[in-house]
Amino acid sequence: MRILITGANGQLGMDLQNALKGHTLYPFSRAELDITAGWQTIETITKSQPEVVIHAAAYTNVDGCESDPDLAYRINAVGTRNVAVGCQQCGAAMVYVSTDFVFDGKKKEPYLEFDEPNPLSVYGRSKLAGERYVQSLLNKFFIVRTSWLYGKHGKNFVRTMLDLARQGKQFKVVDDQVGSPTYSFDLAKTIRHLVETPFYGIYHVSNRGAVSWYGFAKKIFELAGMDVSLEPTTSDELGRPARRPAYSVFRRFALETSIGDEMRPWEEALWEYLKEIGMDGISMDGKTP
């Protein structure tokens, strides 16, 4: 299968290239393909003649989106439209990687793919606008919403926590936002399974289970064998520019009813990630090796 990837040098893009080995890949980094340039994007896609385009490029700085909404919409909404039009022109199916931030977090149980989005931030609204472009322009698409993504490539919460801990800093992490951490390697594998099927639609893809950011940080340090001075705090006390959903846990109903839900628990995925980067200091049963 011929597969074009946008954002190929990013955290997810690198894992996608590994997960999709055996297919013919056309990976494009941000430097190689500016998705905000409409005609260039359409021409690049149509020249490659892919059967599938995985659109992993995005502006994911949540607070940055709040301070520069024009840039957020230019990349996440208009850029996605440009990719969708390119897919339309050559008949390719499209995978659009979206986010849990399309929800407002007021639900008390895991979100289904059929729940109505209501984003709280510019980031969430710009990603939802991208979803709507995909749905209105294409018949063959996978909208894959994910949450709290981390991986071996690029910046993420796990790396930030480890860096702060190495510096010996005391810090606080919010304990009133609950979600599902997701290992980009697991997400990439699931996307591969999806694109090899004709089961188009909206999918929620995250690792199993739920935790607060504070609980996530505690588990990172526990599995890494690090003794860190960490305190819980609230979203109001932290005072970030963009509002975050208080609860954005997913029910992976579409996976369950199409290809099967094989996403593993978030603790298991985190443990494997820490092993991969040489930071595992404790075994999964809580005993020092």
Protein backbone atom coordinates (compact mmCIF):
# COMPACT_ATOMS: atom_id res chain seq x y z
CA MET A 1 0.00 0.00 0.00
CA ARG A 2 1.26 3.51 -0.84
CA ILE A 3 1.03 5.71 2.27
CA LEU A 4 1.93 9.39 2.57
CA ILE A 5 2.67 10.76 6.05
CA THR A 6 2.61 14.45 7.02
CA GLY A 7 4.56 15.51 10.09
CA ALA A 8 6.80 12.51 9.47
CA ASN A 9 9.65 13.75 11.69
CA GLY A 10 7.40 14.33 14.68
CA GLN A 11 6.76 12.13 17.69
CA LEU A 12 3.97 10.13 16.06
CA GLY A 13 5.34 10.43 12.52
CA MET A 14 8.56 8.61 13.43
CA ASP A 15 6.64 5.77 15.09
CA LEU A 16 4.31 5.55 12.10
CA GLN A 17 7.27 5.01 9.79
CA ASN A 18 8.42 2.11 11.95
CA ALA A 19 4.93 0.63 12.35
CA LEU A 20 4.22 0.79 8.61
CA LYS A 21 7.33 -1.03 7.40
CA GLY A 22 6.44 -3.25 4.46
CA HIS A 23 4.27 -0.56 2.88
CA THR A 24 5.57 2.00 0.39
CA LEU A 25 5.96 5.20 2.40
CA TYR A 26 6.15 8.85 1.36
CA PRO A 27 7.16 10.65 4.58
CA PHE A 28 7.13 14.45 4.55
CA SER A 29 8.50 16.59 7.37
CA ARG A 30 7.26 20.10 8.08
CA ALA A 31 10.29 21.49 6.21
CA GLU A 32 9.43 19.39 3.16
CA LEU A 33 5.69 20.04 3.10
CA ASP A 34 4.02 23.20 4.38
CA ILE A 35 0.41 22.10 4.76
CA THR A 36 -0.75 25.73 5.03
CA ALA A 37 0.29 26.24 1.38
CA GLY A 38 -2.80 24.95 -0.39
CA TRP A 39 -1.63 24.37 -3.95
CA GLN A 40 1.73 22.97 -2.85
CA THR A 41 0.00 20.50 -0.54
CA ILE A 42 -2.45 19.35 -3.21
CA GLU A 43 0.31 19.00 -5.81
CA THR A 44 2.57 17.03 -3.46
CA ILE A 45 -0.19 14.60 -2.58
CA THR A 46 -1.47 14.09 -6.11
CA LYS A 47 2.05 13.57 -7.50
CA SER A 48 2.72 10.85 -4.92
CA GLN A 49 -0.58 9.10 -5.76
CA PRO A 50 -0.98 7.55 -2.29
CA GLU A 51 -3.75 5.16 -1.39
CA VAL A 52 -3.76 6.53 2.17
CA VAL A 53 -2.61 9.83 3.66
CA ILE A 54 -1.91 9.90 7.40
CA HIS A 55 -2.11 13.49 8.52
CA ALA A 56 -0.01 13.68 11.69
CA ALA A 57 1.19 17.28 11.26
CA ALA A 58 -0.39 19.72 13.71
CA TYR A 59 0.20 22.70 15.97
CA THR A 60 -0.09 21.06 19.40
CA ASN A 61 1.16 23.81 21.72
CA VAL A 62 -2.10 24.22 23.63
CA ASP A 63 -1.21 27.50 25.32
CA GLY A 64 0.51 28.74 22.16
CA CYS A 65 -2.75 28.21 20.26
CA GLU A 66 -4.52 30.38 22.83
CA SER A 67 -2.11 33.28 22.29
CA ASP A 68 -2.04 32.92 18.48
CA PRO A 69 -5.40 31.58 17.30
CA ASP A 70 -4.75 32.57 13.68
CA LEU A 71 -1.75 30.25 13.55
CA ALA A 72 -3.71 27.47 15.26
CA TYR A 73 -6.54 27.64 12.72
CA ARG A 74 -4.14 28.08 9.80
CA ILE A 75 -2.34 24.83 10.63
CA ASN A 76 -4.96 22.66 12.34
CA ALA A 77 -8.03 23.66 10.33
CA VAL A 78 -6.98 25.15 6.97
CA GLY A 79 -3.93 22.89 6.72
CA THR A 80 -6.15 19.87 7.29
CA ARG A 81 -8.55 21.11 4.62
CA ASN A 82 -5.64 21.33 2.17
CA VAL A 83 -4.62 17.75 2.91
CA ALA A 84 -8.24 16.59 2.58
CA VAL A 85 -8.58 18.28 -0.81
CA GLY A 86 -5.39 16.56 -1.95
CA CYS A 87 -6.89 13.23 -0.89
CA GLN A 88 -10.10 14.11 -2.70
CA GLN A 89 -8.19 14.85 -5.91
CA CYS A 90 -6.39 11.48 -6.02
CA GLY A 91 -9.00 9.28 -4.30
CA ALA A 92 -6.89 8.53 -1.23
CA ALA A 93 -8.31 7.64 2.16
CA MET A 94 -7.27 10.01 4.93
CA VAL A 95 -6.30 9.48 8.55
CA TYR A 96 -6.67 12.64 10.62
CA VAL A 97 -5.10 12.53 14.09
CA SER A 98 -7.31 14.52 16.47
CA THR A 99 -7.51 15.02 20.22
CA ASP A 100 -9.43 14.55 23.46
CA PHE A 101 -9.50 18.36 23.67
CA VAL A 102 -12.54 18.40 21.38
CA PHE A 103 -14.55 17.56 24.55
CA ASP A 104 -15.33 19.84 27.48
CA GLY A 105 -14.60 17.26 30.18
CA LYS A 106 -17.98 17.57 31.91
CA LYS A 107 -18.98 13.96 31.33
CA LYS A 108 -18.57 11.61 34.31
CA GLU A 109 -17.88 8.47 32.28
CA PRO A 110 -15.64 7.69 29.29
CA TYR A 111 -16.43 9.55 26.07
CA LEU A 112 -17.86 7.62 23.14
CA GLU A 113 -17.12 8.49 19.53
CA PHE A 114 -20.77 9.55 19.26
CA ASP A 115 -20.66 12.13 22.05
CA GLU A 116 -21.05 15.74 20.97
CA PRO A 117 -17.77 17.71 21.00
CA ASN A 118 -17.63 20.99 22.91
CA PRO A 119 -14.01 22.21 23.05
CA LEU A 120 -12.88 24.68 25.73
CA SER A 121 -9.74 26.01 24.04
CA VAL A 122 -8.54 27.40 20.74
CA TYR A 123 -6.49 24.24 20.27
CA GLY A 124 -9.56 22.05 20.72
CA ARG A 125 -11.70 24.23 18.46
CA SER A 126 -9.05 24.29 15.72
CA LYS A 127 -8.69 20.49 15.80
CA LEU A 128 -12.48 20.09 15.70
CA ALA A 129 -12.58 22.41 12.68
CA GLY A 130 -10.09 20.05 11.03
CA GLU A 131 -12.37 17.10 11.78
CA ARG A 132 -15.28 18.88 10.14
CA TYR A 133 -13.31 19.64 7.00
CA VAL A 134 -12.38 15.96 6.72
CA GLN A 135 -15.98 14.83 7.22
CA SER A 136 -17.40 17.33 4.74
CA LEU A 137 -14.85 16.79 1.97
CA LEU A 138 -14.23 13.04 2.05
CA ASN A 139 -16.09 9.74 2.14
CA LYS A 140 -13.06 7.61 3.01
CA PHE A 141 -11.55 8.79 6.28
CA PHE A 142 -10.43 7.73 9.74
CA ILE A 143 -10.61 10.43 12.39
CA VAL A 144 -8.43 9.10 15.19
CA ARG A 145 -8.74 10.97 18.47
CA THR A 146 -6.01 10.32 20.98
CA SER A 147 -4.92 11.73 24.35
CA TRP A 148 -1.88 12.59 26.46
CA LEU A 149 0.54 11.36 23.82
CA TYR A 150 4.19 10.60 24.56
CA GLY A 151 6.91 8.72 22.72
CA LYS A 152 10.62 8.37 22.01
CA HIS A 153 10.77 11.28 19.58
CA GLY A 154 10.17 14.92 20.47
CA LYS A 155 8.95 16.72 23.58
CA ASN A 156 6.27 15.29 25.84
CA PHE A 157 5.11 15.16 29.45
CA VAL A 158 7.19 12.11 30.39
CA ARG A 159 10.43 13.65 29.12
CA THR A 160 9.61 16.94 30.83
CA MET A 161 9.05 15.20 34.16
CA LEU A 162 12.30 13.25 33.85
CA ASP A 163 14.25 16.40 32.92
CA LEU A 164 12.86 18.32 35.92
CA ALA A 165 13.67 15.42 38.22
CA ARG A 166 17.27 15.26 36.98
CA GLN A 167 17.63 18.95 37.79
CA GLY A 168 16.57 18.25 41.37
CA LYS A 169 13.71 20.73 41.21
CA GLN A 170 10.65 20.67 43.45
CA PHE A 171 7.50 21.11 41.39
CA LYS A 172 3.74 20.73 41.34
CA VAL A 173 1.50 18.83 38.90
CA VAL A 174 -2.26 19.23 38.50
CA ASP A 175 -4.39 16.55 40.13
CA ASP A 176 -7.82 17.66 38.84
CA GLN A 177 -7.44 16.72 35.18
CA VAL A 178 -8.00 13.03 34.40
CA GLY A 179 -7.27 11.27 31.14
CA SER A 180 -5.53 8.32 29.50
CA PRO A 181 -1.80 8.52 28.71
CA THR A 182 -1.05 7.06 25.29
CA TYR A 183 2.24 5.67 24.00
CA SER A 184 2.74 6.85 20.41
CA PHE A 185 4.14 3.43 19.46
CA ASP A 186 0.81 1.81 20.42
CA LEU A 187 -1.16 4.48 18.56
CA ALA A 188 0.94 3.97 15.41
CA LYS A 189 0.34 0.21 15.47
CA THR A 190 -3.41 0.73 15.79
CA ILE A 191 -3.43 3.21 12.92
CA ARG A 192 -1.67 0.60 10.78
CA HIS A 193 -4.39 -1.94 11.60
CA LEU A 194 -7.10 0.59 10.77
CA VAL A 195 -5.75 1.66 7.37
CA GLU A 196 -5.59 -1.96 6.31
CA THR A 197 -9.40 -2.13 6.62
CA PRO A 198 -12.34 -0.34 4.96
CA PHE A 199 -13.95 0.47 8.34
CA TYR A 200 -13.95 4.24 8.03
CA GLY A 201 -15.20 6.58 10.73
CA ILE A 202 -14.28 8.21 14.04
CA TYR A 203 -12.11 6.26 16.49
CA HIS A 204 -10.97 6.87 20.04
CA VAL A 205 -7.50 5.41 20.57
CA SER A 206 -5.75 5.60 23.93
CA ASN A 207 -4.11 3.20 26.30
CA ARG A 208 -6.45 1.58 28.82
CA GLY A 209 -7.22 3.11 32.19
CA ALA A 210 -7.31 6.63 33.58
CA VAL A 211 -5.17 8.78 35.86
CA SER A 212 -4.59 12.43 36.76
CA TRP A 213 -1.47 14.25 35.58
CA TYR A 214 -0.19 14.10 39.16
CA GLY A 215 -0.81 10.35 39.35
CA PHE A 216 0.87 9.94 35.95
CA ALA A 217 3.94 11.83 37.17
CA LYS A 218 4.12 9.72 40.34
CA LYS A 219 4.04 6.52 38.28
CA ILE A 220 6.78 7.83 35.96
CA PHE A 221 9.11 8.39 38.91
CA GLU A 222 8.14 5.11 40.57
CA LEU A 223 8.90 3.06 37.45
CA ALA A 224 12.08 5.05 36.78
CA GLY A 225 13.27 4.43 40.35
CA MET A 226 13.58 8.16 41.09
CA ASP A 227 12.94 9.85 44.44
CA VAL A 228 11.30 13.17 43.55
CA SER A 229 9.69 15.95 45.60
CA LEU A 230 6.30 16.24 43.92
CA GLU A 231 3.13 17.99 45.07
CA PRO A 232 -0.41 18.01 43.67
CA THR A 233 -2.03 21.28 42.63
CA THR A 234 -5.19 22.49 40.89
CA SER A 235 -5.77 23.88 37.41
CA ASP A 236 -6.87 27.20 38.90
CA GLU A 237 -3.71 27.46 40.98
CA LEU A 238 -1.51 26.64 38.01
CA GLY A 239 -3.24 29.31 35.91
CA ARG A 240 -2.43 28.14 32.38
CA PRO A 241 -3.77 30.33 29.51
CA ALA A 242 -5.85 27.57 27.87
CA ARG A 243 -8.63 25.69 29.64
CA ARG A 244 -8.25 21.91 29.70
CA PRO A 245 -11.01 19.29 30.04
CA ALA A 246 -11.21 18.00 33.61
CA TYR A 247 -12.11 14.50 32.39
CA SER A 248 -11.26 13.23 28.90
CA VAL A 249 -11.09 9.46 29.26
CA PHE A 250 -12.07 7.53 26.12
CA ARG A 251 -14.29 4.53 25.54
CA ARG A 252 -12.82 2.81 22.48
CA PHE A 253 -16.20 1.63 21.23
CA ALA A 254 -15.40 1.93 17.51
CA LEU A 255 -12.28 -0.20 17.93
CA GLU A 256 -14.23 -2.78 19.94
CA THR A 257 -16.82 -3.14 17.19
CA SER A 258 -14.52 -3.06 14.15
CA ILE A 259 -10.97 -4.42 14.51
CA GLY A 260 -11.02 -5.21 18.24
CA ASP A 261 -9.59 -3.19 21.11
CA GLU A 262 -6.04 -4.36 21.78
CA MET A 263 -4.79 -1.24 23.55
CA ARG A 264 -2.89 -2.23 26.67
CA PRO A 265 -3.02 -0.55 30.11
CA TRP A 266 -1.24 2.79 30.28
CA GLU A 267 1.03 1.60 33.11
CA GLU A 268 2.32 -1.29 31.00
CA ALA A 269 2.95 0.97 28.01
CA LEU A 270 4.76 3.52 30.20
CA TRP A 271 6.97 0.81 31.68
CA GLU A 272 7.98 -0.37 28.19
CA TYR A 273 8.67 3.21 27.10
CA LEU A 274 10.94 3.82 30.09
CA LYS A 275 12.79 0.60 29.31
CA GLU A 276 13.23 1.73 25.70
CA ILE A 277 14.86 5.00 26.80
CA GLY A 278 16.93 3.31 29.51
CA MET A 279 15.02 4.73 32.48
CA ASP A 280 13.38 1.68 34.06
CA GLY A 281 14.47 1.45 37.68
CA ILE A 282 11.75 -0.78 39.05
CA SER A 283 9.81 -3.82 37.88
CA MET A 284 6.09 -3.85 37.15
CA ASP A 285 5.38 -5.72 40.40
CA GLY A 286 6.92 -2.86 42.35
CA LYS A 287 10.16 -4.62 43.29
CA THR A 288 13.61 -3.30 42.47
CA PRO A 289 15.31 -5.61 39.92
